[in-house]
Amino acid sequence: MLVLFVQSFFFNQAIYAQKEANIWYFGQHAGLDFNSGIPVPLLDGQINTNEIS
């Protein structure tokens, strides 16, 4: 019984953790949204940094 409880606890944690890092922000108000499976550009970011290329 204890093994079943421990397995269900870790299984629920794994489901909860899905897609928590699917939106990235960087650069000059830019970002990417990976929730649909393909990257979708975002222009609503609040980060404005100088990036060296």
N, C-alpha and C. Protein backbone atom coordinates (compact mmCIF):
# COMPACT_ATOMS: atom_id res chain seq x y z
N MET A 1 0.83 -1.21 0.00
CA MET A 1 0.00 0.00 0.00
C MET A 1 0.87 1.27 0.00
N LEU A 2 1.94 1.23 0.76
CA LEU A 2 2.83 2.38 0.83
C LEU A 2 3.50 2.64 -0.52
N VAL A 3 3.87 1.57 -1.21
CA VAL A 3 4.51 1.71 -2.52
C VAL A 3 3.54 2.38 -3.49
N LEU A 4 2.29 2.01 -3.46
CA LEU A 4 1.28 2.61 -4.35
C LEU A 4 1.14 4.11 -4.05
N PHE A 5 1.13 4.48 -2.78
CA PHE A 5 1.03 5.89 -2.41
C PHE A 5 2.23 6.68 -2.92
N VAL A 6 3.43 6.14 -2.73
CA VAL A 6 4.64 6.83 -3.16
C VAL A 6 4.66 6.97 -4.68
N GLN A 7 4.28 5.92 -5.41
CA GLN A 7 4.24 5.99 -6.87
C GLN A 7 3.23 7.02 -7.34
N SER A 8 2.07 7.07 -6.73
CA SER A 8 1.05 8.04 -7.15
C SER A 8 1.50 9.46 -6.85
N PHE A 9 2.24 9.66 -5.77
CA PHE A 9 2.76 10.99 -5.44
C PHE A 9 3.71 11.48 -6.52
N PHE A 10 4.66 10.63 -6.93
CA PHE A 10 5.62 11.04 -7.95
C PHE A 10 4.96 11.17 -9.32
N PHE A 11 3.99 10.36 -9.62
CA PHE A 11 3.28 10.47 -10.90
C PHE A 11 2.53 11.79 -10.97
N ASN A 12 1.87 12.19 -9.91
CA ASN A 12 1.15 13.46 -9.89
C ASN A 12 2.10 14.64 -10.01
N GLN A 13 3.27 14.56 -9.40
CA GLN A 13 4.25 15.63 -9.51
C GLN A 13 4.74 15.77 -10.94
N ALA A 14 4.93 14.66 -11.64
CA ALA A 14 5.41 14.70 -13.02
C ALA A 14 4.36 15.33 -13.93
N ILE A 15 3.11 15.05 -13.70
CA ILE A 15 2.05 15.65 -14.53
C ILE A 15 1.96 17.15 -14.27
N TYR A 16 2.08 17.56 -13.04
CA TYR A 16 2.00 18.98 -12.69
C TYR A 16 3.14 19.78 -13.32
N ALA A 17 4.29 19.16 -13.49
CA ALA A 17 5.48 19.87 -13.96
C ALA A 17 5.50 20.05 -15.48
N GLN A 18 4.59 19.49 -16.20
CA GLN A 18 4.61 19.58 -17.65
C GLN A 18 4.32 21.01 -18.11
N LYS A 19 5.03 21.45 -19.12
CA LYS A 19 4.82 22.74 -19.80
C LYS A 19 5.07 23.96 -18.93
N GLU A 20 5.82 23.82 -17.86
CA GLU A 20 6.04 24.99 -17.03
C GLU A 20 7.12 25.92 -17.58
N ALA A 21 7.88 25.46 -18.56
CA ALA A 21 8.93 26.29 -19.15
C ALA A 21 8.72 26.44 -20.66
N ASN A 22 7.49 26.51 -21.09
CA ASN A 22 7.19 26.59 -22.52
C ASN A 22 7.19 28.01 -23.06
N ILE A 23 7.28 29.00 -22.21
CA ILE A 23 7.31 30.39 -22.67
C ILE A 23 8.64 31.00 -22.25
N TRP A 24 9.41 31.42 -23.23
CA TRP A 24 10.73 32.02 -23.00
C TRP A 24 10.68 33.49 -23.36
N TYR A 25 11.31 34.33 -22.54
CA TYR A 25 11.46 35.76 -22.85
C TYR A 25 12.94 36.10 -22.84
N PHE A 26 13.36 36.96 -23.76
CA PHE A 26 14.75 37.35 -23.88
C PHE A 26 14.85 38.58 -24.76
N GLY A 27 16.03 39.24 -24.73
CA GLY A 27 16.33 40.31 -25.68
C GLY A 27 15.48 41.55 -25.54
N GLN A 28 15.11 42.11 -26.65
CA GLN A 28 14.39 43.38 -26.69
C GLN A 28 12.90 43.13 -26.83
N HIS A 29 12.25 42.85 -25.70
CA HIS A 29 10.81 42.60 -25.60
C HIS A 29 10.37 41.39 -26.41
N ALA A 30 11.28 40.48 -26.70
CA ALA A 30 10.97 39.32 -27.55
C ALA A 30 10.80 38.07 -26.69
N GLY A 31 10.11 37.09 -27.26
CA GLY A 31 9.94 35.82 -26.59
C GLY A 31 9.44 34.77 -27.55
N LEU A 32 9.37 33.54 -27.05
CA LEU A 32 8.86 32.42 -27.83
C LEU A 32 7.89 31.62 -26.97
N ASP A 33 6.78 31.20 -27.57
CA ASP A 33 5.79 30.37 -26.91
C ASP A 33 5.80 29.01 -27.58
N PHE A 34 6.14 27.95 -26.83
CA PHE A 34 6.23 26.60 -27.36
C PHE A 34 5.00 25.75 -27.02
N ASN A 35 3.94 26.32 -26.52
CA ASN A 35 2.77 25.54 -26.09
C ASN A 35 2.06 24.83 -27.23
N SER A 36 2.11 25.35 -28.43
CA SER A 36 1.39 24.72 -29.55
C SER A 36 2.22 23.65 -30.25
N GLY A 37 3.47 23.46 -29.86
CA GLY A 37 4.32 22.48 -30.51
C GLY A 37 5.33 23.11 -31.46
N ILE A 38 4.98 24.26 -32.01
CA ILE A 38 5.92 25.01 -32.85
C ILE A 38 6.13 26.37 -32.19
N PRO A 39 7.33 26.93 -32.28
CA PRO A 39 7.59 28.22 -31.64
C PRO A 39 6.75 29.35 -32.25
N VAL A 40 6.08 30.09 -31.40
CA VAL A 40 5.29 31.25 -31.82
C VAL A 40 5.95 32.48 -31.23
N PRO A 41 6.32 33.46 -32.07
CA PRO A 41 7.01 34.66 -31.55
C PRO A 41 6.08 35.50 -30.67
N LEU A 42 6.65 36.04 -29.62
CA LEU A 42 5.94 36.95 -28.72
C LEU A 42 6.65 38.29 -28.73
N LEU A 43 5.90 39.36 -28.70
CA LEU A 43 6.47 40.71 -28.69
C LEU A 43 6.03 41.50 -27.47
N ASP A 44 5.50 40.81 -26.45
CA ASP A 44 4.94 41.49 -25.29
C ASP A 44 5.82 41.37 -24.04
N GLY A 45 7.10 41.05 -24.22
CA GLY A 45 7.99 40.88 -23.09
C GLY A 45 8.33 42.18 -22.40
N GLN A 46 8.70 42.10 -21.13
CA GLN A 46 9.09 43.28 -20.38
C GLN A 46 10.61 43.38 -20.23
N ILE A 47 11.33 42.41 -20.77
CA ILE A 47 12.80 42.41 -20.69
C ILE A 47 13.36 43.19 -21.86
N ASN A 48 14.29 44.09 -21.57
CA ASN A 48 14.96 44.84 -22.63
C ASN A 48 16.44 44.86 -22.31
N THR A 49 17.19 43.94 -22.90
CA THR A 49 18.63 43.83 -22.64
C THR A 49 19.42 43.93 -23.93
N ASN A 50 20.66 44.35 -23.81
CA ASN A 50 21.56 44.35 -24.95
C ASN A 50 22.19 42.97 -25.07
N GLU A 51 22.11 42.40 -26.24
CA GLU A 51 22.69 41.07 -26.47
C GLU A 51 23.81 41.19 -27.49
N ILE A 52 24.91 40.53 -27.19
CA ILE A 52 26.06 40.54 -28.08
C ILE A 52 25.94 39.34 -29.02
N SER A 53 26.04 39.61 -30.31
CA SER A 53 25.94 38.49 -31.27
C SER A 53 27.27 38.13 -31.86
